PDB file of all heavy atoms in Angstrom:
ATOM      1  N   GLY A   1       1.141  20.776 -22.171  1.00  0.00           N
ATOM      2  CA  GLY A   1       0.751  20.349 -23.482  1.00  0.00           C
ATOM      3  C   GLY A   1       1.332  18.878 -23.787  1.00  0.00           C
ATOM      4  O   GLY A   1       1.821  18.567 -24.845  1.00  0.00           O
ATOM      5  N   LYS A   2       1.200  17.968 -22.774  1.00  0.00           N
ATOM      6  CA  LYS A   2       1.721  16.520 -22.917  1.00  0.00           C
ATOM      7  C   LYS A   2       0.528  15.651 -22.545  1.00  0.00           C
ATOM      8  O   LYS A   2      -0.237  15.879 -21.591  1.00  0.00           O
ATOM      9  CB  LYS A   2       2.861  16.273 -21.978  1.00  0.00           C
ATOM     10  CG  LYS A   2       4.173  16.999 -22.349  1.00  0.00           C
ATOM     11  CD  LYS A   2       4.652  16.398 -23.654  1.00  0.00           C
ATOM     12  CE  LYS A   2       5.905  17.172 -24.152  1.00  0.00           C
ATOM     13  NZ  LYS A   2       6.470  16.655 -25.369  1.00  0.00           N
ATOM     14  N   GLU A   3       0.444  14.575 -23.352  1.00  0.00           N
ATOM     15  CA  GLU A   3      -0.539  13.471 -22.998  1.00  0.00           C
ATOM     16  C   GLU A   3       0.083  12.649 -21.856  1.00  0.00           C
ATOM     17  O   GLU A   3       1.318  12.577 -21.630  1.00  0.00           O
ATOM     18  CB  GLU A   3      -0.659  12.613 -24.232  1.00  0.00           C
ATOM     19  CG  GLU A   3      -1.488  13.270 -25.396  1.00  0.00           C
ATOM     20  CD  GLU A   3      -2.817  13.661 -25.032  1.00  0.00           C
ATOM     21  OE1 GLU A   3      -3.505  12.791 -24.421  1.00  0.00           O
ATOM     22  OE2 GLU A   3      -3.302  14.778 -25.397  1.00  0.00           O
ATOM     23  N   VAL A   4      -0.848  11.950 -21.168  1.00  0.00           N
ATOM     24  CA  VAL A   4      -0.347  11.167 -20.008  1.00  0.00           C
ATOM     25  C   VAL A   4      -0.459   9.588 -20.433  1.00  0.00           C
ATOM     26  O   VAL A   4      -1.490   9.186 -20.988  1.00  0.00           O
ATOM     27  CB  VAL A   4      -1.343  11.376 -18.773  1.00  0.00           C
ATOM     28  CG1 VAL A   4      -0.982  10.483 -17.630  1.00  0.00           C
ATOM     29  CG2 VAL A   4      -1.217  12.835 -18.357  1.00  0.00           C
ATOM     30  N   GLU A   5       0.587   8.900 -20.123  1.00  0.00           N
ATOM     31  CA  GLU A   5       0.598   7.449 -20.393  1.00  0.00           C
ATOM     32  C   GLU A   5       0.272   6.829 -19.002  1.00  0.00           C
ATOM     33  O   GLU A   5       0.905   7.272 -17.927  1.00  0.00           O
ATOM     34  CB  GLU A   5       1.970   6.967 -20.840  1.00  0.00           C
ATOM     35  CG  GLU A   5       2.425   7.616 -22.111  1.00  0.00           C
ATOM     36  CD  GLU A   5       3.961   7.381 -22.267  1.00  0.00           C
ATOM     37  OE1 GLU A   5       4.419   6.254 -22.117  1.00  0.00           O
ATOM     38  OE2 GLU A   5       4.637   8.372 -22.688  1.00  0.00           O
ATOM     39  N   ILE A   6      -0.574   5.856 -18.856  1.00  0.00           N
ATOM     40  CA  ILE A   6      -0.898   5.185 -17.751  1.00  0.00           C
ATOM     41  C   ILE A   6      -0.164   3.846 -17.635  1.00  0.00           C
ATOM     42  O   ILE A   6      -0.040   3.153 -18.656  1.00  0.00           O
ATOM     43  CB  ILE A   6      -2.498   4.841 -17.606  1.00  0.00           C
ATOM     44  CG1 ILE A   6      -3.286   6.182 -17.661  1.00  0.00           C
ATOM     45  CG2 ILE A   6      -2.788   4.036 -16.306  1.00  0.00           C
ATOM     46  CD1 ILE A   6      -3.035   7.094 -16.487  1.00  0.00           C
ATOM     47  N   ASP A   7       0.452   3.565 -16.506  1.00  0.00           N
ATOM     48  CA  ASP A   7       1.196   2.327 -16.345  1.00  0.00           C
ATOM     49  C   ASP A   7       0.811   1.679 -14.983  1.00  0.00           C
ATOM     50  O   ASP A   7       1.080   2.250 -13.917  1.00  0.00           O
ATOM     51  CB  ASP A   7       2.720   2.655 -16.310  1.00  0.00           C
ATOM     52  CG  ASP A   7       3.585   1.447 -16.514  1.00  0.00           C
ATOM     53  OD1 ASP A   7       3.354   0.433 -15.771  1.00  0.00           O
ATOM     54  OD2 ASP A   7       4.405   1.368 -17.373  1.00  0.00           O
ATOM     55  N   GLU A   8       0.281   0.449 -15.078  1.00  0.00           N
ATOM     56  CA  GLU A   8      -0.193  -0.208 -13.837  1.00  0.00           C
ATOM     57  C   GLU A   8       0.895  -0.504 -12.833  1.00  0.00           C
ATOM     58  O   GLU A   8       0.647  -0.697 -11.654  1.00  0.00           O
ATOM     59  CB  GLU A   8      -0.787  -1.553 -14.280  1.00  0.00           C
ATOM     60  CG  GLU A   8      -1.999  -1.452 -15.288  1.00  0.00           C
ATOM     61  CD  GLU A   8      -3.272  -1.109 -14.538  1.00  0.00           C
ATOM     62  OE1 GLU A   8      -3.419  -1.432 -13.339  1.00  0.00           O
ATOM     63  OE2 GLU A   8      -4.143  -0.511 -15.164  1.00  0.00           O
ATOM     64  N   ARG A   9       2.113  -0.560 -13.281  1.00  0.00           N
ATOM     65  CA  ARG A   9       3.225  -0.895 -12.435  1.00  0.00           C
ATOM     66  C   ARG A   9       3.496   0.098 -11.366  1.00  0.00           C
ATOM     67  O   ARG A   9       4.199  -0.204 -10.347  1.00  0.00           O
ATOM     68  CB  ARG A   9       4.496  -1.175 -13.236  1.00  0.00           C
ATOM     69  CG  ARG A   9       4.446  -2.425 -14.175  1.00  0.00           C
ATOM     70  CD  ARG A   9       5.634  -2.559 -14.962  1.00  0.00           C
ATOM     71  NE  ARG A   9       5.607  -1.515 -16.040  1.00  0.00           N
ATOM     72  CZ  ARG A   9       6.524  -1.489 -17.021  1.00  0.00           C
ATOM     73  NH1 ARG A   9       7.507  -2.319 -17.073  1.00  0.00           N
ATOM     74  NH2 ARG A   9       6.420  -0.550 -18.000  1.00  0.00           N
ATOM     75  N   ILE A  10       2.921   1.367 -11.499  1.00  0.00           N
ATOM     76  CA  ILE A  10       3.148   2.366 -10.469  1.00  0.00           C
ATOM     77  C   ILE A  10       1.842   2.599  -9.658  1.00  0.00           C
ATOM     78  O   ILE A  10       1.714   3.618  -9.047  1.00  0.00           O
ATOM     79  CB  ILE A  10       3.792   3.612 -10.991  1.00  0.00           C
ATOM     80  CG1 ILE A  10       2.975   4.156 -12.238  1.00  0.00           C
ATOM     81  CG2 ILE A  10       5.265   3.420 -11.305  1.00  0.00           C
ATOM     82  CD1 ILE A  10       3.535   5.492 -12.681  1.00  0.00           C
ATOM     83  N   THR A  11       0.909   1.649  -9.697  1.00  0.00           N
ATOM     84  CA  THR A  11      -0.174   1.648  -8.766  1.00  0.00           C
ATOM     85  C   THR A  11       0.336   1.557  -7.380  1.00  0.00           C
ATOM     86  O   THR A  11       1.249   0.713  -7.144  1.00  0.00           O
ATOM     87  CB  THR A  11      -1.161   0.518  -9.071  1.00  0.00           C
ATOM     88  OG1 THR A  11      -1.517   0.571 -10.434  1.00  0.00           O
ATOM     89  CG2 THR A  11      -2.349   0.508  -8.202  1.00  0.00           C
ATOM     90  N   GLU A  12      -0.277   2.186  -6.466  1.00  0.00           N
ATOM     91  CA  GLU A  12       0.142   2.134  -5.017  1.00  0.00           C
ATOM     92  C   GLU A  12      -0.010   0.752  -4.518  1.00  0.00           C
ATOM     93  O   GLU A  12      -0.890  -0.109  -5.006  1.00  0.00           O
ATOM     94  CB  GLU A  12      -0.631   3.154  -4.177  1.00  0.00           C
ATOM     95  CG  GLU A  12      -0.283   3.098  -2.715  1.00  0.00           C
ATOM     96  CD  GLU A  12       1.211   3.575  -2.442  1.00  0.00           C
ATOM     97  OE1 GLU A  12       2.037   2.738  -2.735  1.00  0.00           O
ATOM     98  OE2 GLU A  12       1.356   4.632  -1.772  1.00  0.00           O
ATOM     99  N   GLN A  13       0.801   0.395  -3.592  1.00  0.00           N
ATOM    100  CA  GLN A  13       0.763  -0.943  -2.968  1.00  0.00           C
ATOM    101  C   GLN A  13      -0.688  -1.136  -2.258  1.00  0.00           C
ATOM    102  O   GLN A  13      -1.274  -0.288  -1.709  1.00  0.00           O
ATOM    103  CB  GLN A  13       1.750  -0.934  -1.779  1.00  0.00           C
ATOM    104  CG  GLN A  13       1.874  -2.258  -1.086  1.00  0.00           C
ATOM    105  CD  GLN A  13       3.057  -2.315   0.022  1.00  0.00           C
ATOM    106  OE1 GLN A  13       3.832  -1.376   0.100  1.00  0.00           O
ATOM    107  NE2 GLN A  13       3.153  -3.370   0.648  1.00  0.00           N
ATOM    108  N   ASN A  14      -1.089  -2.348  -2.436  1.00  0.00           N
ATOM    109  CA  ASN A  14      -2.350  -2.806  -1.809  1.00  0.00           C
ATOM    110  C   ASN A  14      -2.030  -3.200  -0.381  1.00  0.00           C
ATOM    111  O   ASN A  14      -1.349  -4.253  -0.108  1.00  0.00           O
ATOM    112  CB  ASN A  14      -3.010  -3.980  -2.474  1.00  0.00           C
ATOM    113  CG  ASN A  14      -4.300  -4.448  -1.995  1.00  0.00           C
ATOM    114  OD1 ASN A  14      -4.496  -4.295  -0.828  1.00  0.00           O
ATOM    115  ND2 ASN A  14      -5.155  -5.083  -2.772  1.00  0.00           N
ATOM    116  N   PHE A  15      -2.530  -2.400   0.593  1.00  0.00           N
ATOM    117  CA  PHE A  15      -2.218  -2.706   1.932  1.00  0.00           C
ATOM    118  C   PHE A  15      -3.276  -3.643   2.621  1.00  0.00           C
ATOM    119  O   PHE A  15      -3.303  -3.736   3.869  1.00  0.00           O
ATOM    120  CB  PHE A  15      -2.082  -1.406   2.783  1.00  0.00           C
ATOM    121  CG  PHE A  15      -0.834  -0.616   2.383  1.00  0.00           C
ATOM    122  CD1 PHE A  15      -0.947   0.527   1.660  1.00  0.00           C
ATOM    123  CD2 PHE A  15       0.467  -1.007   2.868  1.00  0.00           C
ATOM    124  CE1 PHE A  15       0.193   1.268   1.401  1.00  0.00           C
ATOM    125  CE2 PHE A  15       1.539  -0.334   2.472  1.00  0.00           C
ATOM    126  CZ  PHE A  15       1.460   0.787   1.757  1.00  0.00           C
ATOM    127  N   GLY A  16      -4.076  -4.353   1.882  1.00  0.00           N
ATOM    128  CA  GLY A  16      -4.967  -5.349   2.391  1.00  0.00           C
ATOM    129  C   GLY A  16      -5.779  -4.918   3.461  1.00  0.00           C
ATOM    130  O   GLY A  16      -6.539  -3.883   3.369  1.00  0.00           O
ATOM    131  N   LYS A  17      -5.692  -5.570   4.621  1.00  0.00           N
ATOM    132  CA  LYS A  17      -6.603  -5.370   5.761  1.00  0.00           C
ATOM    133  C   LYS A  17      -6.461  -3.970   6.365  1.00  0.00           C
ATOM    134  O   LYS A  17      -7.336  -3.449   7.118  1.00  0.00           O
ATOM    135  CB  LYS A  17      -6.408  -6.409   6.849  1.00  0.00           C
ATOM    136  CG  LYS A  17      -5.127  -6.343   7.523  1.00  0.00           C
ATOM    137  CD  LYS A  17      -5.015  -7.518   8.592  1.00  0.00           C
ATOM    138  CE  LYS A  17      -3.655  -7.522   9.319  1.00  0.00           C
ATOM    139  NZ  LYS A  17      -3.657  -8.568  10.299  1.00  0.00           N
ATOM    140  N   TYR A  18      -5.415  -3.252   6.001  1.00  0.00           N
ATOM    141  CA  TYR A  18      -5.154  -1.840   6.572  1.00  0.00           C
ATOM    142  C   TYR A  18      -5.728  -0.714   5.735  1.00  0.00           C
ATOM    143  O   TYR A  18      -5.722   0.437   6.108  1.00  0.00           O
ATOM    144  CB  TYR A  18      -3.736  -1.667   6.874  1.00  0.00           C
ATOM    145  CG  TYR A  18      -3.049  -2.573   7.845  1.00  0.00           C
ATOM    146  CD1 TYR A  18      -2.251  -3.618   7.493  1.00  0.00           C
ATOM    147  CD2 TYR A  18      -3.384  -2.355   9.206  1.00  0.00           C
ATOM    148  CE1 TYR A  18      -1.699  -4.506   8.373  1.00  0.00           C
ATOM    149  CE2 TYR A  18      -2.864  -3.220  10.155  1.00  0.00           C
ATOM    150  CZ  TYR A  18      -2.025  -4.254   9.763  1.00  0.00           C
ATOM    151  OH  TYR A  18      -1.405  -5.123  10.744  1.00  0.00           O
ATOM    152  N   GLU A  19      -6.200  -1.004   4.515  1.00  0.00           N
ATOM    153  CA  GLU A  19      -6.790  -0.043   3.678  1.00  0.00           C
ATOM    154  C   GLU A  19      -7.963   0.718   4.413  1.00  0.00           C
ATOM    155  O   GLU A  19      -8.788   0.136   4.981  1.00  0.00           O
ATOM    156  CB  GLU A  19      -7.301  -0.646   2.408  1.00  0.00           C
ATOM    157  CG  GLU A  19      -6.229  -1.260   1.470  1.00  0.00           C
ATOM    158  CD  GLU A  19      -5.702  -0.335   0.474  1.00  0.00           C
ATOM    159  OE1 GLU A  19      -6.347   0.578  -0.076  1.00  0.00           O
ATOM    160  OE2 GLU A  19      -4.451  -0.565   0.206  1.00  0.00           O
ATOM    161  N   GLY A  20      -7.806   2.004   4.387  1.00  0.00           N
ATOM    162  CA  GLY A  20      -8.891   2.880   5.091  1.00  0.00           C
ATOM    163  C   GLY A  20      -8.732   3.098   6.530  1.00  0.00           C
ATOM    164  O   GLY A  20      -9.376   3.902   7.104  1.00  0.00           O
ATOM    165  N   LEU A  21      -7.850   2.394   7.210  1.00  0.00           N
ATOM    166  CA  LEU A  21      -7.554   2.459   8.628  1.00  0.00           C
ATOM    167  C   LEU A  21      -6.567   3.651   8.982  1.00  0.00           C
ATOM    168  O   LEU A  21      -5.934   4.166   8.022  1.00  0.00           O
ATOM    169  CB  LEU A  21      -7.036   1.220   9.258  1.00  0.00           C
ATOM    170  CG  LEU A  21      -7.931  -0.070   9.077  1.00  0.00           C
ATOM    171  CD1 LEU A  21      -7.418  -1.227   9.658  1.00  0.00           C
ATOM    172  CD2 LEU A  21      -9.361   0.308   9.663  1.00  0.00           C
ATOM    173  N   ASP A  22      -6.476   3.914  10.186  1.00  0.00           N
ATOM    174  CA  ASP A  22      -5.613   5.041  10.653  1.00  0.00           C
ATOM    175  C   ASP A  22      -4.125   4.710  10.370  1.00  0.00           C
ATOM    176  O   ASP A  22      -3.603   3.628  10.729  1.00  0.00           O
ATOM    177  CB  ASP A  22      -5.778   5.155  12.222  1.00  0.00           C
ATOM    178  CG  ASP A  22      -4.901   6.305  12.800  1.00  0.00           C
ATOM    179  OD1 ASP A  22      -4.075   6.919  12.074  1.00  0.00           O
ATOM    180  OD2 ASP A  22      -5.112   6.609  13.919  1.00  0.00           O
ATOM    181  N   ARG A  23      -3.519   5.451   9.585  1.00  0.00           N
ATOM    182  CA  ARG A  23      -2.086   5.257   9.159  1.00  0.00           C
ATOM    183  C   ARG A  23      -1.068   5.406  10.319  1.00  0.00           C
ATOM    184  O   ARG A  23       0.034   4.996  10.197  1.00  0.00           O
ATOM    185  CB  ARG A  23      -1.583   6.001   7.912  1.00  0.00           C
ATOM    186  CG  ARG A  23      -1.315   7.473   8.124  1.00  0.00           C
ATOM    187  CD  ARG A  23      -0.819   8.102   6.890  1.00  0.00           C
ATOM    188  NE  ARG A  23       0.456   7.495   6.381  1.00  0.00           N
ATOM    189  CZ  ARG A  23       0.640   6.663   5.392  1.00  0.00           C
ATOM    190  NH1 ARG A  23      -0.352   6.334   4.676  1.00  0.00           N
ATOM    191  NH2 ARG A  23       1.815   6.143   5.141  1.00  0.00           N
ATOM    192  N   ASP A  24      -1.499   6.060  11.400  1.00  0.00           N
ATOM    193  CA  ASP A  24      -0.649   6.220  12.553  1.00  0.00           C
ATOM    194  C   ASP A  24      -0.732   5.071  13.514  1.00  0.00           C
ATOM    195  O   ASP A  24      -0.025   5.060  14.627  1.00  0.00           O
ATOM    196  CB  ASP A  24      -0.965   7.567  13.269  1.00  0.00           C
ATOM    197  CG  ASP A  24      -0.627   8.718  12.422  1.00  0.00           C
ATOM    198  OD1 ASP A  24       0.236   8.692  11.627  1.00  0.00           O
ATOM    199  OD2 ASP A  24      -1.442   9.742  12.537  1.00  0.00           O
ATOM    200  N   CYS A  25      -1.488   4.030  13.133  1.00  0.00           N
ATOM    201  CA  CYS A  25      -1.672   2.849  13.987  1.00  0.00           C
ATOM    202  C   CYS A  25      -0.355   2.122  14.124  1.00  0.00           C
ATOM    203  O   CYS A  25       0.304   1.869  13.107  1.00  0.00           O
ATOM    204  CB  CYS A  25      -2.777   1.977  13.380  1.00  0.00           C
ATOM    205  SG  CYS A  25      -2.818   0.302  13.959  1.00  0.00           S
ATOM    206  N   LYS A  26       0.087   1.834  15.326  1.00  0.00           N
ATOM    207  CA  LYS A  26       1.289   1.121  15.609  1.00  0.00           C
ATOM    208  C   LYS A  26       1.445  -0.193  14.777  1.00  0.00           C
ATOM    209  O   LYS A  26       2.441  -0.568  14.257  1.00  0.00           O
ATOM    210  CB  LYS A  26       1.584   0.962  17.065  1.00  0.00           C
ATOM    211  CG  LYS A  26       2.912   0.344  17.399  1.00  0.00           C
ATOM    212  CD  LYS A  26       3.118   0.178  18.894  1.00  0.00           C
ATOM    213  CE  LYS A  26       4.416  -0.522  19.171  1.00  0.00           C
ATOM    214  NZ  LYS A  26       4.514  -0.864  20.567  1.00  0.00           N
ATOM    215  N   GLU A  27       0.365  -0.940  14.767  1.00  0.00           N
ATOM    216  CA  GLU A  27       0.300  -2.235  14.088  1.00  0.00           C
ATOM    217  C   GLU A  27       0.679  -2.078  12.725  1.00  0.00           C
ATOM    218  O   GLU A  27       1.387  -2.847  12.180  1.00  0.00           O
ATOM    219  CB  GLU A  27      -1.010  -2.885  14.377  1.00  0.00           C
ATOM    220  CG  GLU A  27      -1.167  -4.236  13.763  1.00  0.00           C
ATOM    221  CD  GLU A  27      -2.596  -4.881  13.854  1.00  0.00           C
ATOM    222  OE1 GLU A  27      -3.347  -4.414  14.680  1.00  0.00           O
ATOM    223  OE2 GLU A  27      -2.878  -5.755  13.059  1.00  0.00           O
ATOM    224  N   PHE A  28       0.000  -1.084  12.057  1.00  0.00           N
ATOM    225  CA  PHE A  28       0.294  -0.897  10.529  1.00  0.00           C
ATOM    226  C   PHE A  28       1.687  -0.488  10.334  1.00  0.00           C
ATOM    227  O   PHE A  28       2.344  -0.936   9.429  1.00  0.00           O
ATOM    228  CB  PHE A  28      -0.680   0.206   9.963  1.00  0.00           C
ATOM    229  CG  PHE A  28      -0.338   0.561   8.657  1.00  0.00           C
ATOM    230  CD1 PHE A  28      -0.425  -0.267   7.530  1.00  0.00           C
ATOM    231  CD2 PHE A  28       0.132   1.840   8.308  1.00  0.00           C
ATOM    232  CE1 PHE A  28      -0.065   0.014   6.270  1.00  0.00           C
ATOM    233  CE2 PHE A  28       0.553   2.232   6.990  1.00  0.00           C
ATOM    234  CZ  PHE A  28       0.368   1.351   6.019  1.00  0.00           C
ATOM    235  N   TYR A  29       2.176   0.407  11.180  1.00  0.00           N
ATOM    236  CA  TYR A  29       3.576   0.932  10.997  1.00  0.00           C
ATOM    237  C   TYR A  29       4.483  -0.297  11.091  1.00  0.00           C
ATOM    238  O   TYR A  29       5.474  -0.400  10.335  1.00  0.00           O
ATOM    239  CB  TYR A  29       3.904   1.964  12.012  1.00  0.00           C
ATOM    240  CG  TYR A  29       5.282   2.641  11.869  1.00  0.00           C
ATOM    241  CD1 TYR A  29       5.523   3.581  10.943  1.00  0.00           C
ATOM    242  CD2 TYR A  29       6.357   2.124  12.711  1.00  0.00           C
ATOM    243  CE1 TYR A  29       6.739   4.056  10.751  1.00  0.00           C
ATOM    244  CE2 TYR A  29       7.599   2.731  12.492  1.00  0.00           C
ATOM    245  CZ  TYR A  29       7.799   3.663  11.575  1.00  0.00           C
ATOM    246  OH  TYR A  29       9.074   4.205  11.346  1.00  0.00           O
ATOM    247  N   GLU A  30       4.335  -1.124  12.103  1.00  0.00           N
ATOM    248  CA  GLU A  30       5.275  -2.294  12.219  1.00  0.00           C
ATOM    249  C   GLU A  30       5.053  -3.322  11.054  1.00  0.00           C
ATOM    250  O   GLU A  30       6.027  -3.828  10.624  1.00  0.00           O
ATOM    251  CB  GLU A  30       5.017  -2.972  13.615  1.00  0.00           C
ATOM    252  CG  GLU A  30       5.437  -2.099  14.792  1.00  0.00           C
ATOM    253  CD  GLU A  30       5.004  -2.623  16.122  1.00  0.00           C
ATOM    254  OE1 GLU A  30       4.300  -3.666  16.215  1.00  0.00           O
ATOM    255  OE2 GLU A  30       5.420  -2.026  17.153  1.00  0.00           O
ATOM    256  N   ALA A  31       3.813  -3.455  10.674  1.00  0.00           N
ATOM    257  CA  ALA A  31       3.643  -4.411   9.559  1.00  0.00           C
ATOM    258  C   ALA A  31       4.198  -3.962   8.266  1.00  0.00           C
ATOM    259  O   ALA A  31       4.801  -4.679   7.518  1.00  0.00           O
ATOM    260  CB  ALA A  31       2.120  -4.683   9.428  1.00  0.00           C
ATOM    261  N   ARG A  32       4.178  -2.674   8.044  1.00  0.00           N
ATOM    262  CA  ARG A  32       4.708  -1.959   6.806  1.00  0.00           C
ATOM    263  C   ARG A  32       6.258  -2.194   6.774  1.00  0.00           C
ATOM    264  O   ARG A  32       6.794  -2.251   5.703  1.00  0.00           O
ATOM    265  CB  ARG A  32       4.278  -0.568   6.760  1.00  0.00           C
ATOM    266  CG  ARG A  32       4.534   0.066   5.352  1.00  0.00           C
ATOM    267  CD  ARG A  32       4.141   1.463   5.302  1.00  0.00           C
ATOM    268  NE  ARG A  32       5.248   2.233   6.015  1.00  0.00           N
ATOM    269  CZ  ARG A  32       5.331   3.520   6.203  1.00  0.00           C
ATOM    270  NH1 ARG A  32       4.267   4.243   5.841  1.00  0.00           N
ATOM    271  NH2 ARG A  32       6.310   4.054   6.774  1.00  0.00           N
ATOM    272  N   ALA A  33       6.875  -2.241   7.896  1.00  0.00           N
ATOM    273  CA  ALA A  33       8.285  -2.333   7.908  1.00  0.00           C
ATOM    274  C   ALA A  33       8.831  -3.733   7.626  1.00  0.00           C
ATOM    275  O   ALA A  33      10.045  -3.966   7.433  1.00  0.00           O
ATOM    276  CB  ALA A  33       8.874  -1.866   9.337  1.00  0.00           C
ATOM    277  N   GLN A  34       7.900  -4.690   7.548  1.00  0.00           N
ATOM    278  CA  GLN A  34       8.216  -6.040   7.176  1.00  0.00           C
ATOM    279  C   GLN A  34       8.005  -6.181   5.674  1.00  0.00           C
ATOM    280  O   GLN A  34       6.813  -6.256   5.262  1.00  0.00           O
ATOM    281  CB  GLN A  34       7.344  -7.028   7.954  1.00  0.00           C
ATOM    282  CG  GLN A  34       7.433  -6.870   9.443  1.00  0.00           C
ATOM    283  CD  GLN A  34       8.829  -7.051   9.863  1.00  0.00           C
ATOM    284  OE1 GLN A  34       9.623  -7.968   9.545  1.00  0.00           O
ATOM    285  NE2 GLN A  34       9.266  -6.143  10.776  1.00  0.00           N
ATOM    286  N   PHE A  35       9.002  -6.087   4.901  1.00  0.00           N
ATOM    287  CA  PHE A  35       9.019  -6.000   3.430  1.00  0.00           C
ATOM    288  C   PHE A  35       8.308  -7.209   2.706  1.00  0.00           C
ATOM    289  O   PHE A  35       7.998  -7.064   1.541  1.00  0.00           O
ATOM    290  CB  PHE A  35      10.286  -5.663   2.791  1.00  0.00           C
ATOM    291  CG  PHE A  35      10.802  -4.296   3.150  1.00  0.00           C
ATOM    292  CD1 PHE A  35      12.061  -3.939   2.855  1.00  0.00           C
ATOM    293  CD2 PHE A  35       9.948  -3.373   3.764  1.00  0.00           C
ATOM    294  CE1 PHE A  35      12.544  -2.638   3.210  1.00  0.00           C
ATOM    295  CE2 PHE A  35      10.407  -2.078   4.103  1.00  0.00           C
ATOM    296  CZ  PHE A  35      11.678  -1.673   3.789  1.00  0.00           C
ATOM    297  N   LEU A  36       8.196  -8.355   3.381  1.00  0.00           N
ATOM    298  CA  LEU A  36       7.580  -9.521   2.694  1.00  0.00           C
ATOM    299  C   LEU A  36       6.103  -9.614   3.227  1.00  0.00           C
ATOM    300  O   LEU A  36       5.411 -10.490   2.732  1.00  0.00           O
ATOM    301  CB  LEU A  36       8.329 -10.784   3.118  1.00  0.00           C
ATOM    302  CG  LEU A  36       9.710 -10.873   2.448  1.00  0.00           C
ATOM    303  CD1 LEU A  36      10.435 -12.071   2.894  1.00  0.00           C
ATOM    304  CD2 LEU A  36       9.669 -10.801   0.996  1.00  0.00           C
ATOM    305  N   ASN A  37       5.570  -8.694   4.133  1.00  0.00           N
ATOM    306  CA  ASN A  37       4.266  -8.831   4.600  1.00  0.00           C
ATOM    307  C   ASN A  37       3.301  -8.459   3.557  1.00  0.00           C
ATOM    308  O   ASN A  37       3.393  -7.431   2.918  1.00  0.00           O
ATOM    309  CB  ASN A  37       4.162  -7.895   5.769  1.00  0.00           C
ATOM    310  CG  ASN A  37       2.892  -8.020   6.645  1.00  0.00           C
ATOM    311  OD1 ASN A  37       1.816  -8.535   6.094  1.00  0.00           O
ATOM    312  ND2 ASN A  37       2.927  -7.567   7.832  1.00  0.00           N
ATOM    313  N   ARG A  38       2.264  -9.329   3.367  1.00  0.00           N
ATOM    314  CA  ARG A  38       1.148  -9.105   2.368  1.00  0.00           C
ATOM    315  C   ARG A  38      -0.099  -8.573   2.974  1.00  0.00           C
ATOM    316  O   ARG A  38      -1.126  -8.423   2.317  1.00  0.00           O
ATOM    317  CB  ARG A  38       0.893 -10.373   1.594  1.00  0.00           C
ATOM    318  CG  ARG A  38       2.062 -10.748   0.771  1.00  0.00           C
ATOM    319  CD  ARG A  38       1.746 -11.942  -0.121  1.00  0.00           C
ATOM    320  NE  ARG A  38       2.874 -12.412  -0.865  1.00  0.00           N
ATOM    321  CZ  ARG A  38       3.016 -13.506  -1.409  1.00  0.00           C
ATOM    322  NH1 ARG A  38       2.013 -14.420  -1.346  1.00  0.00           N
ATOM    323  NH2 ARG A  38       4.120 -13.845  -2.012  1.00  0.00           N
ATOM    324  N   PHE A  39      -0.110  -8.263   4.322  1.00  0.00           N
ATOM    325  CA  PHE A  39      -1.286  -7.596   4.980  1.00  0.00           C
ATOM    326  C   PHE A  39      -2.528  -8.410   4.772  1.00  0.00           C
ATOM    327  O   PHE A  39      -3.565  -7.910   4.457  1.00  0.00           O
ATOM    328  CB  PHE A  39      -1.511  -6.159   4.488  1.00  0.00           C
ATOM    329  CG  PHE A  39      -0.140  -5.338   4.454  1.00  0.00           C
ATOM    330  CD1 PHE A  39       0.475  -5.115   3.188  1.00  0.00           C
ATOM    331  CD2 PHE A  39       0.454  -5.001   5.647  1.00  0.00           C
ATOM    332  CE1 PHE A  39       1.613  -4.405   3.213  1.00  0.00           C
ATOM    333  CE2 PHE A  39       1.641  -4.279   5.551  1.00  0.00           C
ATOM    334  CZ  PHE A  39       2.250  -4.005   4.338  1.00  0.00           C
ATOM    335  N   SER A  40      -2.420  -9.742   4.863  1.00  0.00           N
ATOM    336  CA  SER A  40      -3.484 -10.704   4.724  1.00  0.00           C
ATOM    337  C   SER A  40      -3.924 -10.868   3.249  1.00  0.00           C
ATOM    338  O   SER A  40      -3.708 -11.804   2.678  1.00  0.00           O
ATOM    339  CB  SER A  40      -4.762 -10.418   5.541  1.00  0.00           C
ATOM    340  OG  SER A  40      -4.423 -10.557   6.944  1.00  0.00           O
ATOM    341  N   ASP A  41      -4.494  -9.852   2.637  1.00  0.00           N
ATOM    342  CA  ASP A  41      -4.965 -10.044   1.225  1.00  0.00           C
ATOM    343  C   ASP A  41      -4.441  -8.918   0.364  1.00  0.00           C
ATOM    344  O   ASP A  41      -4.901  -8.590  -0.617  1.00  0.00           O
ATOM    345  CB  ASP A  41      -6.494 -10.037   1.198  1.00  0.00           C
ATOM    346  CG  ASP A  41      -7.118  -8.736   1.812  1.00  0.00           C
ATOM    347  OD1 ASP A  41      -6.483  -7.978   2.546  1.00  0.00           O
ATOM    348  OD2 ASP A  41      -8.291  -8.601   1.613  1.00  0.00           O
ATOM    349  N   GLY A  42      -3.334  -8.314   0.716  1.00  0.00           N
ATOM    350  CA  GLY A  42      -2.709  -7.247  -0.124  1.00  0.00           C
ATOM    351  C   GLY A  42      -1.524  -7.773  -0.881  1.00  0.00           C
ATOM    352  O   GLY A  42      -1.453  -8.967  -1.295  1.00  0.00           O
TER     353      GLY A  42
END
């Protein structure tokens, strides 16, 4: 019985060039560990 508030700040991270690709890919795993990496356009 509660309404939902939407907040853009908790939208998932944009992983740029990796969106839709295999998440077990070594390249993605290594790139994700670099906290300043923007994944080209993410």
